[in-house]
N, C-alpha and C. Protein backbone atom coordinates (compact mmCIF):
# COMPACT_ATOMS: atom_id res chain seq x y z
N MET A 1 123.18 78.60 130.15
CA MET A 1 123.09 77.26 129.60
C MET A 1 121.96 77.20 128.58
N GLU A 2 122.24 76.65 127.39
CA GLU A 2 121.25 76.55 126.33
C GLU A 2 120.30 75.40 126.56
N THR A 3 119.03 75.64 126.24
CA THR A 3 118.06 74.56 126.27
C THR A 3 118.09 73.88 124.91
N VAL A 4 117.31 72.82 124.75
CA VAL A 4 117.25 72.09 123.48
C VAL A 4 116.74 73.00 122.37
N ASN A 5 115.78 73.88 122.68
CA ASN A 5 115.17 74.75 121.68
C ASN A 5 115.90 76.07 121.50
N GLU A 6 117.07 76.22 122.11
CA GLU A 6 117.73 77.51 122.12
C GLU A 6 119.14 77.39 121.56
N LYS A 7 119.52 78.35 120.73
CA LYS A 7 120.88 78.39 120.17
C LYS A 7 121.42 79.80 120.38
N ARG A 8 122.73 79.90 120.45
CA ARG A 8 123.37 81.21 120.57
C ARG A 8 123.74 81.69 119.19
N ILE A 9 123.44 82.96 118.90
CA ILE A 9 123.81 83.56 117.63
C ILE A 9 124.27 84.98 117.91
N GLN A 10 125.44 85.31 117.44
CA GLN A 10 126.04 86.64 117.63
C GLN A 10 125.96 87.06 119.09
N GLY A 11 126.27 86.14 119.99
CA GLY A 11 126.30 86.45 121.41
C GLY A 11 124.93 86.47 122.07
N GLU A 12 123.87 86.37 121.28
CA GLU A 12 122.53 86.38 121.84
C GLU A 12 121.92 85.00 121.75
N SER A 13 121.01 84.73 122.64
CA SER A 13 120.33 83.45 122.65
C SER A 13 119.10 83.55 121.74
N ILE A 14 118.84 82.50 120.98
CA ILE A 14 117.68 82.50 120.09
C ILE A 14 116.83 81.27 120.38
N ASP A 15 115.57 81.49 120.62
CA ASP A 15 114.62 80.42 120.94
C ASP A 15 114.06 79.87 119.63
N LEU A 16 114.27 78.59 119.38
CA LEU A 16 113.83 77.96 118.14
C LEU A 16 112.47 77.26 118.27
N SER A 17 111.79 77.42 119.39
CA SER A 17 110.50 76.74 119.55
C SER A 17 109.48 77.23 118.53
N GLY A 18 109.55 78.50 118.15
CA GLY A 18 108.65 79.04 117.12
C GLY A 18 108.86 78.36 115.78
N VAL A 19 110.13 78.07 115.45
CA VAL A 19 110.45 77.38 114.20
C VAL A 19 109.89 75.96 114.26
N GLU A 20 110.03 75.31 115.40
CA GLU A 20 109.53 73.95 115.56
C GLU A 20 108.01 73.89 115.39
N GLU A 21 107.30 74.90 115.92
CA GLU A 21 105.84 74.97 115.77
C GLU A 21 105.46 75.12 114.31
N ILE A 22 106.16 75.99 113.61
CA ILE A 22 105.89 76.22 112.18
C ILE A 22 106.15 74.93 111.40
N LEU A 23 107.26 74.29 111.67
CA LEU A 23 107.59 73.05 110.97
C LEU A 23 106.55 71.96 111.25
N GLU A 24 106.05 71.92 112.46
CA GLU A 24 105.03 70.92 112.82
C GLU A 24 103.77 71.12 111.98
N LYS A 25 103.38 72.39 111.74
CA LYS A 25 102.19 72.69 110.93
C LYS A 25 102.34 72.16 109.51
N TYR A 26 103.56 72.14 109.00
CA TYR A 26 103.80 71.75 107.61
C TYR A 26 104.37 70.34 107.47
N LYS A 27 104.34 69.59 108.52
CA LYS A 27 104.88 68.22 108.50
C LYS A 27 104.18 67.41 107.40
N GLY A 28 104.99 66.85 106.49
CA GLY A 28 104.46 66.03 105.41
C GLY A 28 103.89 66.80 104.23
N VAL A 29 103.90 68.12 104.28
CA VAL A 29 103.37 68.94 103.18
C VAL A 29 104.50 69.20 102.18
N ARG A 30 104.31 68.76 100.94
CA ARG A 30 105.32 68.98 99.92
C ARG A 30 105.28 70.43 99.44
N GLY A 31 106.44 70.96 99.11
CA GLY A 31 106.52 72.31 98.55
C GLY A 31 106.22 73.41 99.55
N ALA A 32 106.45 73.17 100.82
CA ALA A 32 106.09 74.15 101.85
C ALA A 32 107.24 75.07 102.25
N LEU A 33 108.37 74.98 101.57
CA LEU A 33 109.54 75.75 102.00
C LEU A 33 109.27 77.25 102.05
N ILE A 34 108.67 77.81 101.00
CA ILE A 34 108.44 79.26 100.97
C ILE A 34 107.54 79.71 102.13
N PRO A 35 106.38 79.08 102.34
CA PRO A 35 105.57 79.52 103.48
C PRO A 35 106.27 79.32 104.83
N ILE A 36 107.07 78.28 104.94
CA ILE A 36 107.83 78.08 106.18
C ILE A 36 108.80 79.24 106.39
N LEU A 37 109.55 79.58 105.34
CA LEU A 37 110.50 80.70 105.45
C LEU A 37 109.78 82.01 105.75
N GLN A 38 108.63 82.23 105.11
CA GLN A 38 107.88 83.46 105.36
C GLN A 38 107.45 83.55 106.82
N GLN A 39 106.97 82.45 107.36
CA GLN A 39 106.51 82.48 108.75
C GLN A 39 107.66 82.59 109.74
N VAL A 40 108.77 81.93 109.44
CA VAL A 40 109.94 82.04 110.32
C VAL A 40 110.44 83.48 110.31
N GLN A 41 110.49 84.09 109.12
CA GLN A 41 110.93 85.48 109.05
C GLN A 41 109.97 86.41 109.77
N ALA A 42 108.68 86.10 109.73
CA ALA A 42 107.70 86.92 110.46
C ALA A 42 107.96 86.87 111.96
N VAL A 43 108.47 85.75 112.45
CA VAL A 43 108.76 85.60 113.88
C VAL A 43 110.02 86.36 114.27
N TYR A 44 111.09 86.23 113.48
CA TYR A 44 112.39 86.78 113.86
C TYR A 44 112.76 88.09 113.14
N GLY A 45 112.06 88.40 112.05
CA GLY A 45 112.41 89.59 111.27
C GLY A 45 113.45 89.28 110.21
N TYR A 46 114.02 88.11 110.25
CA TYR A 46 115.00 87.62 109.28
C TYR A 46 115.10 86.12 109.46
N LEU A 47 115.97 85.47 108.69
CA LEU A 47 116.13 84.02 108.80
C LEU A 47 117.46 83.72 109.48
N PRO A 48 117.44 83.56 110.81
CA PRO A 48 118.69 83.29 111.53
C PRO A 48 119.27 81.93 111.12
N GLU A 49 120.59 81.85 111.14
CA GLU A 49 121.29 80.63 110.74
C GLU A 49 120.81 79.39 111.49
N PRO A 50 120.64 79.44 112.83
CA PRO A 50 120.16 78.24 113.52
C PRO A 50 118.77 77.79 113.04
N ALA A 51 117.92 78.76 112.67
CA ALA A 51 116.59 78.42 112.15
C ALA A 51 116.71 77.75 110.78
N VAL A 52 117.57 78.29 109.94
CA VAL A 52 117.81 77.70 108.62
C VAL A 52 118.32 76.27 108.78
N ASN A 53 119.24 76.06 109.69
CA ASN A 53 119.79 74.72 109.92
C ASN A 53 118.72 73.75 110.41
N LEU A 54 117.85 74.22 111.30
CA LEU A 54 116.77 73.36 111.80
C LEU A 54 115.78 73.02 110.68
N ILE A 55 115.44 74.00 109.87
CA ILE A 55 114.53 73.77 108.74
C ILE A 55 115.15 72.75 107.79
N ALA A 56 116.43 72.93 107.49
CA ALA A 56 117.13 72.00 106.59
C ALA A 56 117.10 70.59 107.14
N GLU A 57 117.37 70.47 108.41
CA GLU A 57 117.38 69.15 109.06
C GLU A 57 116.00 68.49 108.98
N GLN A 58 114.96 69.27 109.32
CA GLN A 58 113.60 68.73 109.36
C GLN A 58 113.04 68.42 107.97
N LEU A 59 113.46 69.19 106.96
CA LEU A 59 112.96 68.97 105.59
C LEU A 59 113.89 68.06 104.79
N ASN A 60 114.93 67.57 105.46
CA ASN A 60 115.90 66.69 104.80
C ASN A 60 116.50 67.36 103.56
N MET A 61 116.93 68.59 103.75
CA MET A 61 117.54 69.39 102.68
C MET A 61 118.88 69.90 103.19
N GLY A 62 119.69 70.38 102.28
CA GLY A 62 120.91 71.05 102.69
C GLY A 62 120.61 72.50 103.04
N ALA A 63 121.32 73.02 104.02
CA ALA A 63 121.14 74.44 104.37
C ALA A 63 121.45 75.32 103.18
N SER A 64 122.39 74.91 102.34
CA SER A 64 122.75 75.70 101.15
C SER A 64 121.58 75.80 100.17
N GLU A 65 120.75 74.76 100.10
CA GLU A 65 119.57 74.81 99.24
C GLU A 65 118.58 75.87 99.75
N ILE A 66 118.41 75.89 101.06
CA ILE A 66 117.49 76.85 101.66
C ILE A 66 118.02 78.27 101.48
N ILE A 67 119.31 78.44 101.68
CA ILE A 67 119.92 79.76 101.48
C ILE A 67 119.80 80.17 100.02
N GLY A 68 119.93 79.23 99.10
CA GLY A 68 119.75 79.51 97.68
C GLY A 68 118.36 80.05 97.39
N VAL A 69 117.35 79.45 97.98
CA VAL A 69 115.97 79.92 97.81
C VAL A 69 115.81 81.29 98.45
N ALA A 70 116.32 81.42 99.68
CA ALA A 70 116.16 82.68 100.42
C ALA A 70 116.85 83.85 99.71
N THR A 71 117.98 83.60 99.09
CA THR A 71 118.69 84.70 98.41
C THR A 71 118.10 84.99 97.03
N PHE A 72 117.35 84.05 96.47
CA PHE A 72 116.71 84.27 95.17
C PHE A 72 115.57 85.28 95.31
N TYR A 73 114.81 85.18 96.39
CA TYR A 73 113.65 86.05 96.59
C TYR A 73 114.02 87.25 97.45
N ALA A 74 113.69 88.44 96.97
CA ALA A 74 114.04 89.68 97.67
C ALA A 74 113.32 89.82 99.01
N GLN A 75 112.26 89.08 99.22
CA GLN A 75 111.50 89.21 100.47
C GLN A 75 112.22 88.62 101.68
N PHE A 76 113.20 87.76 101.43
CA PHE A 76 113.88 87.09 102.54
C PHE A 76 115.19 87.79 102.89
N HIS A 77 115.52 87.76 104.18
CA HIS A 77 116.74 88.40 104.68
C HIS A 77 117.47 87.44 105.60
N LEU A 78 118.77 87.31 105.38
CA LEU A 78 119.58 86.39 106.17
C LEU A 78 120.31 87.09 107.32
N THR A 79 120.19 88.40 107.38
CA THR A 79 120.79 89.15 108.48
C THR A 79 119.70 89.97 109.17
N GLN A 80 119.95 90.25 110.42
CA GLN A 80 118.98 91.02 111.21
C GLN A 80 118.84 92.41 110.61
N ARG A 81 117.61 92.88 110.53
CA ARG A 81 117.34 94.19 109.94
C ARG A 81 116.92 95.16 111.04
N GLY A 82 116.99 96.42 110.70
CA GLY A 82 116.65 97.46 111.66
C GLY A 82 115.16 97.55 111.93
N GLN A 83 114.85 98.25 112.98
CA GLN A 83 113.46 98.49 113.35
C GLN A 83 112.76 99.32 112.27
N HIS A 84 113.52 100.20 111.61
CA HIS A 84 112.99 101.04 110.53
C HIS A 84 113.78 100.76 109.27
N ILE A 85 113.07 100.50 108.17
CA ILE A 85 113.70 100.23 106.89
C ILE A 85 113.59 101.48 106.04
N ILE A 86 114.75 101.98 105.61
CA ILE A 86 114.81 103.15 104.74
C ILE A 86 115.11 102.67 103.34
N LYS A 87 114.23 103.01 102.40
CA LYS A 87 114.41 102.64 100.99
C LYS A 87 114.56 103.92 100.18
N VAL A 88 115.71 104.07 99.54
CA VAL A 88 115.95 105.24 98.68
C VAL A 88 115.69 104.81 97.25
N CYS A 89 114.82 105.54 96.57
CA CYS A 89 114.50 105.25 95.19
C CYS A 89 115.67 105.65 94.29
N CYS A 90 116.04 104.74 93.41
CA CYS A 90 117.13 105.01 92.45
C CYS A 90 116.63 104.91 91.01
N GLY A 91 115.31 105.01 90.83
CA GLY A 91 114.73 105.01 89.49
C GLY A 91 115.20 106.23 88.71
N THR A 92 114.85 106.28 87.45
CA THR A 92 115.36 107.33 86.56
C THR A 92 115.08 108.74 87.09
N ALA A 93 113.83 109.04 87.42
CA ALA A 93 113.48 110.39 87.89
C ALA A 93 114.26 110.74 89.16
N CYS A 94 114.34 109.81 90.09
CA CYS A 94 115.06 110.07 91.34
C CYS A 94 116.56 110.17 91.10
N HIS A 95 117.07 109.32 90.22
CA HIS A 95 118.49 109.37 89.89
C HIS A 95 118.87 110.74 89.32
N VAL A 96 118.07 111.20 88.37
CA VAL A 96 118.33 112.50 87.73
C VAL A 96 118.25 113.64 88.73
N LYS A 97 117.37 113.51 89.72
CA LYS A 97 117.17 114.59 90.70
C LYS A 97 118.00 114.43 91.97
N GLY A 98 119.00 113.53 91.95
CA GLY A 98 119.96 113.50 93.04
C GLY A 98 119.83 112.39 94.07
N ALA A 99 119.26 111.25 93.70
CA ALA A 99 119.11 110.15 94.65
C ALA A 99 120.44 109.72 95.25
N LYS A 100 121.51 109.76 94.47
CA LYS A 100 122.82 109.33 94.96
C LYS A 100 123.25 110.22 96.13
N LYS A 101 122.99 111.52 96.05
CA LYS A 101 123.34 112.43 97.15
C LYS A 101 122.51 112.12 98.40
N ILE A 102 121.26 111.73 98.18
CA ILE A 102 120.39 111.36 99.31
C ILE A 102 120.96 110.12 100.01
N THR A 103 121.32 109.12 99.20
CA THR A 103 121.89 107.90 99.77
C THR A 103 123.19 108.20 100.52
N GLU A 104 124.04 109.01 99.92
CA GLU A 104 125.32 109.36 100.56
C GLU A 104 125.09 110.07 101.89
N LYS A 105 124.14 110.99 101.91
CA LYS A 105 123.85 111.73 103.15
C LYS A 105 123.29 110.79 104.22
N LEU A 106 122.39 109.89 103.84
CA LEU A 106 121.86 108.92 104.79
C LEU A 106 122.96 108.03 105.32
N SER A 107 123.81 107.57 104.43
CA SER A 107 124.91 106.70 104.81
C SER A 107 125.81 107.39 105.83
N LYS A 108 126.10 108.65 105.58
CA LYS A 108 126.96 109.42 106.48
C LYS A 108 126.23 109.71 107.81
N THR A 109 124.98 110.12 107.73
CA THR A 109 124.20 110.46 108.92
C THR A 109 124.03 109.26 109.85
N LEU A 110 123.77 108.10 109.24
CA LEU A 110 123.51 106.88 110.02
C LEU A 110 124.77 106.07 110.29
N ASP A 111 125.87 106.44 109.62
CA ASP A 111 127.13 105.70 109.72
C ASP A 111 126.92 104.23 109.35
N VAL A 112 126.34 104.03 108.16
CA VAL A 112 126.04 102.68 107.68
C VAL A 112 126.10 102.67 106.14
N ARG A 113 126.53 101.55 105.58
CA ARG A 113 126.54 101.40 104.13
C ARG A 113 125.19 100.88 103.64
N VAL A 114 124.92 101.08 102.36
CA VAL A 114 123.70 100.56 101.75
C VAL A 114 123.67 99.04 101.93
N GLY A 115 122.51 98.55 102.32
CA GLY A 115 122.34 97.11 102.55
C GLY A 115 122.67 96.68 103.96
N MET A 116 123.10 97.62 104.79
CA MET A 116 123.51 97.28 106.15
C MET A 116 122.54 97.89 107.17
N THR A 117 122.71 97.45 108.41
CA THR A 117 121.88 97.91 109.52
C THR A 117 122.76 98.65 110.52
N THR A 118 122.22 99.72 111.07
CA THR A 118 122.98 100.49 112.05
C THR A 118 123.30 99.63 113.26
N GLU A 119 124.35 99.99 113.96
CA GLU A 119 124.80 99.23 115.12
C GLU A 119 123.71 99.09 116.18
N ASP A 120 122.90 100.14 116.35
CA ASP A 120 121.83 100.11 117.35
C ASP A 120 120.58 99.37 116.87
N LYS A 121 120.65 98.81 115.67
CA LYS A 121 119.55 98.04 115.05
C LYS A 121 118.30 98.88 114.84
N LEU A 122 118.47 100.19 114.73
CA LEU A 122 117.32 101.07 114.53
C LEU A 122 116.98 101.23 113.05
N PHE A 123 118.01 101.30 112.16
CA PHE A 123 117.77 101.54 110.75
C PHE A 123 118.50 100.55 109.86
N THR A 124 117.84 100.16 108.76
CA THR A 124 118.48 99.44 107.67
C THR A 124 118.34 100.33 106.44
N LEU A 125 119.44 100.54 105.73
CA LEU A 125 119.45 101.41 104.56
C LEU A 125 119.49 100.57 103.29
N GLU A 126 118.53 100.80 102.40
CA GLU A 126 118.46 100.07 101.13
C GLU A 126 118.26 101.03 99.97
N GLU A 127 118.71 100.60 98.80
CA GLU A 127 118.39 101.30 97.55
C GLU A 127 117.44 100.38 96.78
N VAL A 128 116.40 100.96 96.19
CA VAL A 128 115.44 100.18 95.42
C VAL A 128 115.32 100.77 94.02
N ALA A 129 114.87 99.95 93.08
CA ALA A 129 114.78 100.37 91.68
C ALA A 129 113.74 101.47 91.47
N CYS A 130 112.60 101.37 92.12
CA CYS A 130 111.56 102.39 91.94
C CYS A 130 110.54 102.28 93.05
N LEU A 131 110.10 103.42 93.56
CA LEU A 131 109.04 103.45 94.57
C LEU A 131 107.71 103.91 93.97
N GLY A 132 107.72 104.27 92.69
CA GLY A 132 106.47 104.64 92.02
C GLY A 132 105.95 106.01 92.42
N ALA A 133 106.82 106.89 92.84
CA ALA A 133 106.41 108.24 93.22
C ALA A 133 107.28 109.26 92.47
N CYS A 134 107.38 109.06 91.17
CA CYS A 134 108.31 109.85 90.34
C CYS A 134 108.06 111.36 90.42
N SER A 135 106.81 111.76 90.60
CA SER A 135 106.52 113.20 90.66
C SER A 135 107.07 113.84 91.93
N LEU A 136 107.46 113.02 92.90
CA LEU A 136 108.02 113.53 94.16
C LEU A 136 109.54 113.39 94.22
N ALA A 137 110.15 113.03 93.11
CA ALA A 137 111.60 112.75 93.08
C ALA A 137 112.43 113.91 93.61
N PRO A 138 113.52 113.56 94.31
CA PRO A 138 113.93 112.23 94.78
C PRO A 138 113.14 111.83 96.02
N VAL A 139 112.92 110.52 96.13
CA VAL A 139 112.01 109.97 97.14
C VAL A 139 112.71 108.90 97.97
N MET A 140 112.30 108.82 99.23
CA MET A 140 112.68 107.68 100.07
C MET A 140 111.47 107.30 100.90
N MET A 141 111.47 106.05 101.34
CA MET A 141 110.45 105.58 102.26
C MET A 141 111.12 105.19 103.56
N VAL A 142 110.49 105.55 104.65
CA VAL A 142 110.91 105.06 105.96
C VAL A 142 109.72 104.26 106.44
N ASP A 143 109.91 102.95 106.46
CA ASP A 143 108.82 102.02 106.72
C ASP A 143 107.75 102.24 105.63
N GLU A 144 106.57 102.68 105.99
CA GLU A 144 105.51 102.89 104.99
C GLU A 144 105.32 104.37 104.64
N ASP A 145 106.12 105.25 105.24
CA ASP A 145 105.97 106.69 105.02
C ASP A 145 106.86 107.16 103.88
N VAL A 146 106.25 107.82 102.89
CA VAL A 146 106.97 108.34 101.74
C VAL A 146 107.42 109.76 102.03
N HIS A 147 108.68 110.04 101.73
CA HIS A 147 109.23 111.39 101.89
C HIS A 147 109.77 111.80 100.52
N GLY A 148 109.18 112.85 99.96
CA GLY A 148 109.55 113.26 98.61
C GLY A 148 110.13 114.65 98.52
N LYS A 149 110.57 114.96 97.31
CA LYS A 149 111.20 116.25 97.00
C LYS A 149 112.32 116.53 98.01
N LEU A 150 113.12 115.50 98.24
CA LEU A 150 114.19 115.58 99.23
C LEU A 150 115.39 116.35 98.72
N ALA A 151 116.13 116.87 99.64
CA ALA A 151 117.44 117.46 99.37
C ALA A 151 118.37 116.85 100.41
N SER A 152 119.64 116.81 100.12
CA SER A 152 120.56 116.17 101.06
C SER A 152 120.53 116.83 102.43
N ASP A 153 120.18 118.11 102.49
CA ASP A 153 120.13 118.79 103.79
C ASP A 153 118.82 118.55 104.55
N THR A 154 117.80 117.96 103.91
CA THR A 154 116.54 117.67 104.62
C THR A 154 116.49 116.24 105.15
N VAL A 155 117.40 115.40 104.68
CA VAL A 155 117.42 113.99 105.07
C VAL A 155 117.64 113.83 106.57
N SER A 156 118.56 114.59 107.12
CA SER A 156 118.86 114.50 108.56
C SER A 156 117.63 114.81 109.40
N GLU A 157 116.81 115.73 108.93
CA GLU A 157 115.60 116.12 109.65
C GLU A 157 114.61 114.96 109.70
N VAL A 158 114.50 114.23 108.60
CA VAL A 158 113.61 113.06 108.56
C VAL A 158 114.08 112.01 109.56
N ILE A 159 115.38 111.76 109.58
CA ILE A 159 115.95 110.77 110.51
C ILE A 159 115.73 111.21 111.94
N LYS A 160 115.94 112.48 112.21
CA LYS A 160 115.74 113.02 113.56
C LYS A 160 114.29 112.82 114.01
N THR A 161 113.34 113.08 113.11
CA THR A 161 111.92 112.91 113.43
C THR A 161 111.59 111.46 113.74
N VAL A 162 112.15 110.54 112.96
CA VAL A 162 111.91 109.11 113.20
C VAL A 162 112.48 108.70 114.54
N LYS A 163 113.70 109.16 114.84
CA LYS A 163 114.31 108.82 116.13
C LYS A 163 113.49 109.37 117.28
N GLU A 164 113.00 110.59 117.16
CA GLU A 164 112.19 111.20 118.23
C GLU A 164 110.89 110.45 118.43
N SER A 165 110.26 110.03 117.33
CA SER A 165 109.00 109.29 117.47
C SER A 165 109.26 107.92 118.10
N ASN A 166 110.44 107.38 117.90
CA ASN A 166 110.84 106.10 118.49
C ASN A 166 110.97 106.24 120.00
N ILE A 167 111.53 107.35 120.44
CA ILE A 167 111.74 107.61 121.87
C ILE A 167 110.40 107.80 122.58
N SER A 168 109.45 108.48 121.91
CA SER A 168 108.18 108.77 122.56
C SER A 168 107.24 107.57 122.60
N GLN A 169 107.60 106.48 121.96
CA GLN A 169 106.71 105.30 121.96
C GLN A 169 106.90 104.45 123.18
């Protein structure tokens, strides 16, 4: 049974009391949408639909307006993301040195498309314009760790290491 502060999303229950606390802090503050969204995302890791609806209701806005703002800024995510974010650089140096093969290998290894999250919610795979590590091309980041001079056959080893470190935690 759902409480007043709880909504069901994708079969799981989501507690909206954190959103209510954030909204209370910004009550009557004009132009607070971005900080509200940032704080809500910090709580959930993304902007769940019930949270967006509650924010819209409390700010007297349409949910579509909030989604418009959230999709404009790359920092916001409307779907749940993995515990580990993999970013494959697709800048010129990385592109020339085989970034597409790296992405394809990751996609196959993780059984996920670019922009999606693995079923176990462990990894989200993204392509980015540049990671600023051109001398290490091709490059990917797993969370804050940079992995450079990659080859499609070394990608699986990086994933294996991340999974093993996840188990030992």
